[in-house]
Structure formats: structure tokens, C-alpha cells
Amino acid sequence: MKQPASSTIPPYVLPLIVISQFAGTSVWFAGNAILPALQLQYHLPDSLLGNITTAVQSGFIIGTLVFALLSIADRFSPVKVFMWCALMAALFNILVIPVSDNMYLLLTLRLLTGFFLAGVYPVGMKIAADWYAKGLGKALGFLVGALVAGKALPHLIKSTIAISNWSEVMILTSCFAAAGGIVVGLFLKDGPNRSKASGLKRMNILALFHNKPFKAASFGYFGHMWELYTFWAFVPLMITWYNHLHATTIPVSFFSFVIIGIGCISCVIGGAVSNKIGSAKVAWASLMISGMCCLLSPLFFYASPVVFITGLLVWGCFVIADSPQFSALVSQTAAPETKGTALTLVTSIGFAITIVSIETLNLIWDNWTSATIDKYWLLPLLAAGPIFGLTKMKTLLKKN
């Protein structure tokens, strides 16, 4: 179906998707935000930071694989898929409260939350792509910006309440997620560019990567994902480590929210710039700058608190600004009838990469015993992702 002029798209469509994406993804890092309180109350191990993040990522990967193999976002109404998955994610998020003293049940519930987030994040992008064939980079800039804000929200909530009231974080984020799903389900229709598919065979999925532009966009995204979630997961730990080294009292929860949440602004700005210079150039520049932050990050720990926080803020800006542009490139280079499955599949692979990255750094960090080299010198390991992505997306730059 032909894309309608932007003036004919109802003005409420993008704000509705953005607000619902923000609300739906607020449960993503809720477990991370309350973890210090649970560790204090139930004497849970320090290594649980990496494990609880990995549980959500693993659930998300399983969910996205199931959604991709069954072509859920292409066969069924994306807005209905979004609604039901947001409701289920909210349910499993709030069920953490009665089992919070059991580490294994806690991780299981975080995994199930991640599973249903597979119907929120990539399906939200699919809904946006179905409405905005033109200017998709700008639309996804707002959408991923909402995702970032949603993931940062639990840290903000946690910073405003007493540590013993951690259950409020789970209650509020679950309410947000459920409300976001209901709003989409009741007030939004599927976009005019939706191409319904009857399902994809295994060979069709593999054939997606025979398309060189699609492969370049996907590989750039994979490099970006090696860095992104490990950085987000370790932001509270980096601030805590800095406080330990310098005997400072930087508020961990509040500045974790700011450093992660600032990416919301950079996504929106990057989306606007992409309309002028193209998504590939925005993605390339953002990936290059965030890679440089990876390499320079150990030096942040030698600086004053202002310089340290500023360095992390710059990193927080550019570590995510390329994400909506990579998603736009993936969507634009995939065949219309495979768009939803392509976005879901690439997202799934990207999140699988985050598990390897998070667990690798977490394992090395926890077992690092060197008396001469501090732990923060491990952070440049994250630069491997940006370097890989930059080398793989050269063909996209030539086409822009």
C-alpha cells in the first residue's frame, strides 16, 4: 500500500507509539534498580548484577526467536501483539515482589519479563515502520529515545524512595507497562504500510543476509550491541567504583538514570539529523564516538567528579544514538513482507551478543585480582564492538 503523505498521518500516531514504548519498556531494568536493596536485605551475591541483566536479555532473545520463526509481527496485528505482551511483561515484573528472597525464582521471572518484551520493543518499531515509510530514521529516533527513557525510569524511581521500599519500583513500572499496552491496543490501528505475511520458511530467514545492504546494516547493529547493554548494566558499578576510589558520594541511582536517560535526547537529535544526511552517516558517527569513549573510559576514573560524570554523559549520549538509525537501515533494506521478522530476528541476534558481552566483562570484573591494574582498565574491551561495526558498514556510507 502506498505511503500516505506525512500530513495525512494522524498527528497522535507517533506520540502514542512513543509514550507506549516508554511505558512498556519501563520494566526492563527494574530488577537492576532494586538489586542493591535485595542484596542488602537477603544477602544475595555480588555477581547477581550480571546474572539479572542476562536473565532479561536471555528471555528477550528466546522471545524474539519465537516471534521471528513464527512471523508473529507479520502474521498478526502488531498493535494487538504489543498490547498483550506489555500486559504479560507487567505481570511477571510485579510477581518479583513475593519471591524476591529466592534468587532462582527471581531470575526466572526476569527471564519471562524479557520474553514478553520481545513483543514490545521490536514490535513497536514494526508499528512505526508501518506508519512512517518516509522519515523512518526520525520516527525511530523518538521511539528508541522512549525506550531509553523507559529503561532509565526505574533508576529515577529508586533514587526517590527509601531502599526498604524497593517494591514500589516494581509496582509503578508494572503499572506503566500495562497502561502502555492498553493505550496502544485501544487507540492505535495498524499502519497503512503493513504487509501481511503467511509465515517464513527457514531458508527465507537465512536468505535475508544474502542482501548485502541488509547484512551491512545488521552487522553494524551487532557491533553496537556488544557495547550498549554492557555499558548500561555497568553504569551503577562504575559510579560506585569511582566513589570507592575517591571517597566521593555521587548518588548512584540518580546519576545512573541521567547517564542512561540522556540517550533519549541524542536519539531524537540523531533522528532529526538523519533526515538531512541519512541514517548511515548518523549511525557511523555515533558508533565512532562511543567507541572512542570506550577506549578513553579508564582515564575518566583519574579525573574530578565533574569530568568523570561528563565523560559518562557523553558516552551515554552516543552509545545509543545509532540504535534507531541501525533499525531504520535494517527496515529499509529488508523486503516489505519480511520487515517485522527481519527487525525481530536482527534484534534477537543483537541481544544474544549482549549476553556474551555482559557475562564476559562481569566474569573478568568479578575475578580480577591484579594489584597493579585497576578494574576500570577492562572497559576498553567494549570497543571491540564499535570497531567491528564500523568496518562492516562501509558499503552503507557509500550509498548515502
Protein backbone atom coordinates (compact mmCIF):
# COMPACT_ATOMS: atom_id res chain seq x y z
CA MET A 1 0.00 0.00 0.00
CA LYS A 2 1.30 3.45 -0.86
CA GLN A 3 2.68 5.53 1.98
CA PRO A 4 0.38 8.47 2.72
CA ALA A 5 1.77 11.97 2.87
CA SER A 6 3.01 12.89 6.34
CA SER A 7 0.25 15.48 6.58
CA THR A 8 -2.38 12.74 6.25
CA ILE A 9 -0.99 10.63 9.11
CA PRO A 10 -2.98 11.46 12.25
CA PRO A 11 -0.81 13.66 14.49
CA TYR A 12 -1.42 11.48 17.53
CA VAL A 13 0.14 8.35 15.99
CA LEU A 14 3.82 8.96 16.77
CA PRO A 15 3.26 10.44 20.26
CA LEU A 16 1.03 7.45 21.09
CA ILE A 17 3.67 4.94 19.97
CA VAL A 18 6.44 6.84 21.76
CA ILE A 19 4.59 7.14 25.08
CA SER A 20 3.54 3.48 24.98
CA GLN A 21 7.08 2.34 24.14
CA PHE A 22 8.38 4.38 27.07
CA ALA A 23 5.81 2.85 29.41
CA GLY A 24 6.15 -0.69 28.08
CA THR A 25 9.91 -0.86 28.45
CA SER A 26 9.99 0.61 31.96
CA VAL A 27 10.09 -2.93 33.38
CA TRP A 28 13.36 -3.76 31.56
CA PHE A 29 15.86 -2.54 34.16
CA ALA A 30 13.50 -2.66 37.15
CA GLY A 31 15.38 -5.67 38.51
CA ASN A 32 18.71 -3.86 38.20
CA ALA A 33 17.35 -0.82 40.03
CA ILE A 34 16.16 -2.81 43.07
CA LEU A 35 19.08 -5.23 43.15
CA PRO A 36 21.17 -3.32 45.75
CA ALA A 37 18.18 -3.37 48.11
CA LEU A 38 17.64 -7.10 47.59
CA GLN A 39 21.33 -7.83 48.10
CA LEU A 40 21.27 -5.89 51.36
CA GLN A 41 18.05 -7.48 52.60
CA TYR A 42 18.65 -11.10 51.54
CA HIS A 43 22.48 -11.25 51.26
CA LEU A 44 22.38 -12.12 47.57
CA PRO A 45 25.77 -12.46 45.76
CA ASP A 46 27.52 -9.52 44.08
CA SER A 47 27.62 -11.42 40.77
CA LEU A 48 23.83 -11.18 40.54
CA LEU A 49 24.14 -7.84 38.69
CA GLY A 50 25.34 -9.57 35.54
CA ASN A 51 23.02 -12.53 36.05
CA ILE A 52 19.85 -10.50 36.47
CA THR A 53 20.65 -8.44 33.37
CA THR A 54 21.44 -11.59 31.42
CA ALA A 55 18.16 -13.19 32.53
CA VAL A 56 16.15 -10.39 30.93
CA GLN A 57 18.33 -10.44 27.82
CA SER A 58 18.01 -14.24 27.55
CA GLY A 59 14.24 -14.09 27.84
CA PHE A 60 14.18 -11.36 25.22
CA ILE A 61 16.31 -13.45 22.87
CA ILE A 62 14.12 -16.53 23.28
CA GLY A 63 11.05 -14.37 22.72
CA THR A 64 12.41 -12.67 19.62
CA LEU A 65 13.47 -16.01 18.13
CA VAL A 66 9.99 -17.43 18.70
CA PHE A 67 8.40 -14.29 17.26
CA ALA A 68 10.74 -14.36 14.24
CA LEU A 69 10.35 -18.07 13.46
CA LEU A 70 6.56 -17.81 13.72
CA SER A 71 6.48 -14.42 11.93
CA ILE A 72 4.23 -13.14 14.71
CA ALA A 73 4.65 -9.43 13.88
CA ASP A 74 3.94 -10.03 10.18
CA ARG A 75 1.08 -12.54 10.53
CA PHE A 76 -0.90 -10.88 13.32
CA SER A 77 -1.92 -7.33 14.19
CA PRO A 78 1.20 -5.64 15.63
CA VAL A 79 -0.84 -3.37 17.90
CA LYS A 80 -2.59 -6.38 19.48
CA VAL A 81 0.72 -8.22 19.87
CA PHE A 82 2.18 -5.13 21.56
CA MET A 83 -0.77 -4.81 23.93
CA TRP A 84 -0.82 -8.41 25.17
CA CYS A 85 2.95 -8.62 25.50
CA ALA A 86 3.11 -5.39 27.51
CA LEU A 87 0.45 -6.76 29.86
CA MET A 88 2.30 -10.05 30.34
CA ALA A 89 5.63 -8.28 30.92
CA ALA A 90 3.93 -6.15 33.58
CA LEU A 91 2.52 -9.25 35.26
CA PHE A 92 5.83 -11.12 35.52
CA ASN A 93 7.58 -7.94 36.63
CA ILE A 94 5.31 -7.42 39.63
CA LEU A 95 5.45 -11.10 40.61
CA VAL A 96 9.06 -10.50 41.69
CA ILE A 97 7.75 -8.95 44.91
CA PRO A 98 6.51 -12.13 46.64
CA VAL A 99 9.53 -14.26 45.59
CA SER A 100 12.31 -11.69 45.95
CA ASP A 101 14.21 -13.75 48.52
CA ASN A 102 14.61 -16.67 46.09
CA MET A 103 17.40 -15.97 43.60
CA TYR A 104 16.31 -18.68 41.16
CA LEU A 105 12.66 -17.61 41.04
CA LEU A 106 13.81 -14.01 40.74
CA LEU A 107 15.93 -14.84 37.68
CA THR A 108 13.11 -16.93 36.17
CA LEU A 109 10.64 -14.07 36.46
CA ARG A 110 13.15 -11.65 34.93
CA LEU A 111 13.60 -14.10 32.04
CA LEU A 112 9.83 -14.26 31.48
CA THR A 113 9.62 -10.47 31.61
CA GLY A 114 12.29 -10.33 28.91
CA PHE A 115 10.41 -12.91 26.82
CA PHE A 116 7.33 -10.71 26.55
CA LEU A 117 9.37 -7.55 25.99
CA ALA A 118 10.10 -9.19 22.62
CA GLY A 119 6.57 -8.18 21.71
CA VAL A 120 7.10 -4.60 22.86
CA TYR A 121 10.41 -3.22 21.60
CA PRO A 122 10.78 -4.69 18.05
CA VAL A 123 7.02 -4.77 17.51
CA GLY A 124 6.88 -1.10 18.46
CA MET A 125 9.46 -0.44 15.74
CA LYS A 126 7.37 -2.51 13.32
CA ILE A 127 4.29 -0.38 14.11
CA ALA A 128 6.31 2.80 13.48
CA ALA A 129 7.71 1.41 10.21
CA ASP A 130 4.17 0.57 9.06
CA TRP A 131 3.16 4.19 9.53
CA TYR A 132 6.33 6.03 8.51
CA ALA A 133 7.99 4.60 5.38
CA LYS A 134 9.49 8.05 4.79
CA GLY A 135 11.33 9.76 7.61
CA LEU A 136 11.66 6.44 9.43
CA GLY A 137 15.00 7.40 10.97
CA LYS A 138 13.40 10.40 12.64
CA ALA A 139 10.37 8.40 13.83
CA LEU A 140 12.58 5.64 15.26
CA GLY A 141 14.75 8.28 16.90
CA PHE A 142 11.75 9.27 19.01
CA LEU A 143 10.83 5.62 19.54
CA VAL A 144 14.24 4.44 20.72
CA GLY A 145 14.52 7.61 22.77
CA ALA A 146 11.37 6.48 24.56
CA LEU A 147 12.92 3.04 25.01
CA VAL A 148 15.98 4.60 26.65
CA ALA A 149 13.88 6.76 28.95
CA GLY A 150 11.77 3.75 29.88
CA LYS A 151 14.83 1.70 30.78
CA ALA A 152 16.27 4.55 32.84
CA LEU A 153 13.00 5.21 34.69
CA PRO A 154 13.44 2.52 37.41
CA HIS A 155 16.72 4.16 38.48
CA LEU A 156 14.93 7.50 38.84
CA ILE A 157 12.11 5.95 40.87
CA LYS A 158 14.64 4.14 43.05
CA SER A 159 16.54 7.37 43.70
CA THR A 160 13.42 8.99 45.18
CA ILE A 161 12.39 6.29 47.66
CA ALA A 162 13.89 4.64 50.71
CA ILE A 163 15.89 1.50 50.00
CA SER A 164 13.45 -0.59 52.06
CA ASN A 165 10.56 0.46 49.77
CA TRP A 166 12.02 -1.23 46.68
CA SER A 167 8.71 -2.95 45.91
CA GLU A 168 7.31 0.42 44.84
CA VAL A 169 9.67 0.33 41.85
CA MET A 170 8.13 -2.95 40.67
CA ILE A 171 4.57 -1.78 41.25
CA LEU A 172 4.99 1.53 39.44
CA THR A 173 6.88 0.12 36.46
CA SER A 174 4.30 -2.66 36.06
CA CYS A 175 1.52 -0.10 36.08
CA PHE A 176 3.35 1.93 33.44
CA ALA A 177 3.88 -1.12 31.21
CA ALA A 178 0.27 -2.28 31.47
CA ALA A 179 -1.02 1.22 30.72
CA GLY A 180 1.24 1.49 27.67
CA GLY A 181 -0.07 -1.78 26.27
CA ILE A 182 -3.71 -0.85 26.84
CA VAL A 183 -3.27 2.56 25.20
CA VAL A 184 -1.82 1.00 22.03
CA GLY A 185 -4.44 -1.75 21.90
CA LEU A 186 -7.38 0.61 22.33
CA PHE A 187 -6.37 3.76 20.47
CA LEU A 188 -3.97 2.77 17.68
CA LYS A 189 -4.58 0.95 14.40
CA ASP A 190 -2.10 -0.95 12.24
CA GLY A 191 -0.25 1.32 9.82
CA PRO A 192 -1.13 1.68 6.11
CA ASN A 193 2.18 0.13 5.02
CA ARG A 194 1.64 -3.16 6.80
CA SER A 195 2.31 -6.14 4.52
CA LYS A 196 0.77 -9.25 5.99
CA ALA A 197 2.76 -12.48 5.59
CA SER A 198 1.59 -16.04 5.97
CA GLY A 199 4.87 -17.08 7.56
CA LEU A 200 8.50 -17.54 6.60
CA LYS A 201 10.36 -20.72 5.91
CA ARG A 202 13.80 -21.29 7.39
CA MET A 203 15.56 -20.66 4.09
CA ASN A 204 13.77 -17.34 3.70
CA ILE A 205 15.14 -16.19 7.05
CA LEU A 206 18.69 -17.23 6.14
CA ALA A 207 18.29 -15.56 2.74
CA LEU A 208 17.79 -12.18 4.45
CA PHE A 209 21.54 -11.99 4.95
CA HIS A 210 22.26 -12.57 1.25
CA ASN A 211 21.17 -8.97 0.78
CA LYS A 212 24.44 -7.00 1.15
CA PRO A 213 22.92 -3.70 2.37
CA PHE A 214 20.80 -5.60 4.91
CA LYS A 215 23.86 -7.56 6.04
CA ALA A 216 25.92 -4.37 6.43
CA ALA A 217 23.18 -2.70 8.50
CA SER A 218 22.77 -5.82 10.64
CA PHE A 219 26.49 -6.24 11.30
CA GLY A 220 26.81 -2.59 12.25
CA TYR A 221 23.96 -3.10 14.70
CA PHE A 222 25.64 -6.21 16.13
CA GLY A 223 28.83 -4.26 16.85
CA HIS A 224 26.79 -1.53 18.52
CA MET A 225 25.03 -4.09 20.72
CA TRP A 226 28.31 -5.54 22.03
CA GLU A 227 28.87 -2.21 23.74
CA LEU A 228 25.42 -0.82 24.57
CA TYR A 229 23.84 -3.04 27.24
CA THR A 230 27.09 -3.83 28.99
CA PHE A 231 27.69 -0.11 29.37
CA TRP A 232 24.16 0.41 30.71
CA ALA A 233 24.45 -2.54 33.10
CA PHE A 234 27.80 -1.35 34.45
CA VAL A 235 26.99 2.36 34.86
CA PRO A 236 25.92 1.93 38.54
CA LEU A 237 29.02 -0.16 39.18
CA MET A 238 31.29 2.41 37.55
CA ILE A 239 29.87 5.19 39.72
CA THR A 240 30.14 3.00 42.82
CA TRP A 241 33.74 2.15 41.94
CA TYR A 242 34.60 5.83 41.44
CA ASN A 243 33.05 6.67 44.83
CA HIS A 244 35.16 3.90 46.38
CA LEU A 245 38.39 5.15 44.79
CA HIS A 246 37.94 8.82 45.63
CA ALA A 247 35.76 8.66 48.77
CA THR A 248 33.09 10.69 46.95
CA THR A 249 29.33 10.41 47.39
CA ILE A 250 27.96 10.69 43.86
CA PRO A 251 24.31 9.49 44.04
CA VAL A 252 24.42 6.18 42.17
CA SER A 253 20.74 5.71 41.27
CA PHE A 254 20.11 9.30 40.23
CA PHE A 255 23.17 9.63 38.01
CA SER A 256 22.57 6.16 36.56
CA PHE A 257 19.19 7.49 35.45
CA VAL A 258 20.72 10.64 33.99
CA ILE A 259 23.57 8.87 32.17
CA ILE A 260 21.28 6.22 30.65
CA GLY A 261 18.36 8.58 30.12
CA ILE A 262 20.33 11.26 28.30
CA GLY A 263 20.40 8.91 25.34
CA CYS A 264 16.73 9.77 24.86
CA ILE A 265 17.75 13.27 23.77
CA SER A 266 20.55 12.10 21.48
CA CYS A 267 18.23 9.61 19.77
CA VAL A 268 15.76 12.38 18.94
CA ILE A 269 18.52 14.72 17.71
CA GLY A 270 20.12 11.92 15.68
CA GLY A 271 16.75 11.14 14.13
CA ALA A 272 16.30 14.75 13.04
CA VAL A 273 19.83 14.89 11.60
CA SER A 274 19.27 11.62 9.73
CA ASN A 275 16.56 13.32 7.65
CA LYS A 276 19.28 15.60 6.25
CA ILE A 277 22.39 13.43 5.95
CA GLY A 278 21.00 9.88 6.07
CA SER A 279 20.78 7.19 8.75
CA ALA A 280 24.08 5.53 7.81
CA LYS A 281 26.18 8.64 8.48
CA VAL A 282 24.50 9.30 11.81
CA ALA A 283 25.00 5.68 12.86
CA TRP A 284 28.64 5.68 11.77
CA ALA A 285 29.49 8.93 13.62
CA SER A 286 27.72 7.81 16.81
CA LEU A 287 29.42 4.42 16.77
CA MET A 288 32.82 6.02 16.25
CA ILE A 289 32.41 8.47 19.15
CA SER A 290 31.07 5.84 21.55
CA GLY A 291 33.98 3.59 20.58
CA MET A 292 36.39 6.39 21.45
CA CYS A 293 34.64 6.75 24.82
CA CYS A 294 35.22 3.02 25.41
CA LEU A 295 38.93 3.43 24.82
CA LEU A 296 39.25 6.59 26.90
CA SER A 297 36.98 5.48 29.77
CA PRO A 298 39.75 4.37 32.17
CA LEU A 299 41.03 7.93 32.17
CA PHE A 300 37.67 9.15 33.47
CA PHE A 301 38.47 7.49 36.81
CA TYR A 302 41.54 9.72 37.29
CA ALA A 303 39.52 12.91 36.78
CA SER A 304 37.44 15.10 39.06
CA PRO A 305 33.81 14.09 39.71
CA VAL A 306 32.58 16.69 37.21
CA VAL A 307 34.84 15.39 34.44
CA PHE A 308 34.03 11.78 35.34
CA ILE A 309 30.27 12.33 35.12
CA THR A 310 30.66 14.45 31.96
CA GLY A 311 32.63 11.66 30.30
CA LEU A 312 29.92 9.13 31.14
CA LEU A 313 27.24 11.54 29.91
CA VAL A 314 28.98 11.88 26.53
CA TRP A 315 29.29 8.10 26.37
CA GLY A 316 25.63 7.75 27.33
CA CYS A 317 24.66 10.10 24.50
CA PHE A 318 26.50 8.36 21.69
CA VAL A 319 26.23 4.75 22.85
CA ILE A 320 22.53 4.71 21.86
CA ALA A 321 22.13 7.47 19.22
CA ASP A 322 23.00 5.00 16.46
CA SER A 323 20.44 2.38 17.53
CA PRO A 324 17.34 3.88 15.85
CA GLN A 325 19.34 4.54 12.70
CA PHE A 326 20.52 0.93 12.50
CA SER A 327 16.90 -0.19 12.98
CA ALA A 328 15.81 2.17 10.21
CA LEU A 329 18.52 0.79 7.92
CA VAL A 330 17.52 -2.80 8.69
CA SER A 331 13.86 -2.00 8.00
CA GLN A 332 14.64 -0.12 4.78
CA THR A 333 16.91 -2.82 3.36
CA ALA A 334 14.56 -5.75 4.11
CA ALA A 335 11.75 -6.81 1.79
CA PRO A 336 8.40 -5.24 2.87
CA GLU A 337 6.73 -8.58 3.59
CA THR A 338 9.62 -9.62 5.87
CA LYS A 339 10.09 -6.30 7.65
CA GLY A 340 8.67 -7.34 11.01
CA THR A 341 10.50 -10.65 11.04
CA ALA A 342 13.76 -9.02 9.88
CA LEU A 343 13.64 -6.44 12.67
CA THR A 344 12.80 -9.12 15.22
CA LEU A 345 15.49 -11.55 14.04
CA VAL A 346 18.27 -8.96 13.91
CA THR A 347 17.22 -7.67 17.33
CA SER A 348 17.35 -11.23 18.68
CA ILE A 349 20.88 -11.81 17.41
CA GLY A 350 21.95 -8.42 18.74
CA PHE A 351 20.67 -9.23 22.21
CA ALA A 352 22.39 -12.61 22.14
CA ILE A 353 25.60 -10.67 21.61
CA THR A 354 24.81 -8.53 24.67
CA ILE A 355 24.76 -11.64 26.85
CA VAL A 356 28.23 -12.65 25.72
CA SER A 357 29.47 -9.11 26.32
CA ILE A 358 27.83 -8.67 29.74
CA GLU A 359 28.85 -12.07 31.05
CA THR A 360 32.41 -11.75 29.71
CA LEU A 361 33.01 -8.41 31.39
CA ASN A 362 31.13 -9.49 34.52
CA LEU A 363 33.23 -12.66 34.84
CA ILE A 364 36.53 -10.88 34.33
CA TRP A 365 35.49 -7.98 36.60
CA ASP A 366 34.48 -10.28 39.48
CA ASN A 367 37.64 -12.38 39.22
CA TRP A 368 40.13 -9.59 38.61
CA THR A 369 42.82 -9.77 41.28
CA SER A 370 45.62 -7.63 39.87
CA ALA A 371 47.14 -5.29 42.43
CA THR A 372 48.69 -3.05 39.78
CA ILE A 373 45.91 -2.69 37.19
CA ASP A 374 42.52 -1.45 38.41
CA LYS A 375 39.28 -2.99 37.15
CA TYR A 376 38.22 0.02 35.13
CA TRP A 377 41.00 -0.74 32.65
CA LEU A 378 38.79 -3.62 31.50
CA LEU A 379 36.21 -1.23 30.00
CA PRO A 380 38.07 -0.77 26.66
CA LEU A 381 37.11 -4.38 25.90
CA LEU A 382 33.77 -2.89 24.87
CA ALA A 383 35.46 -1.05 21.99
CA ALA A 384 35.70 -4.33 20.05
CA GLY A 385 32.04 -3.93 19.09
CA PRO A 386 32.23 -0.42 17.63
CA ILE A 387 35.41 -1.30 15.74
CA PHE A 388 33.73 -4.35 14.19
CA GLY A 389 30.58 -2.40 13.32
CA LEU A 390 32.48 0.49 11.73
CA THR A 391 34.41 -1.83 9.43
CA LYS A 392 31.28 -3.72 8.33
CA MET A 393 29.07 -0.76 7.42
CA LYS A 394 31.34 0.94 4.88
CA THR A 395 29.10 -0.07 1.97
CA LEU A 396 26.17 1.76 3.56
CA LEU A 397 28.15 5.00 3.74
CA LYS A 398 28.87 4.81 0.01
CA LYS A 399 25.17 4.60 -0.74
CA ASN A 400 24.27 7.67 1.33
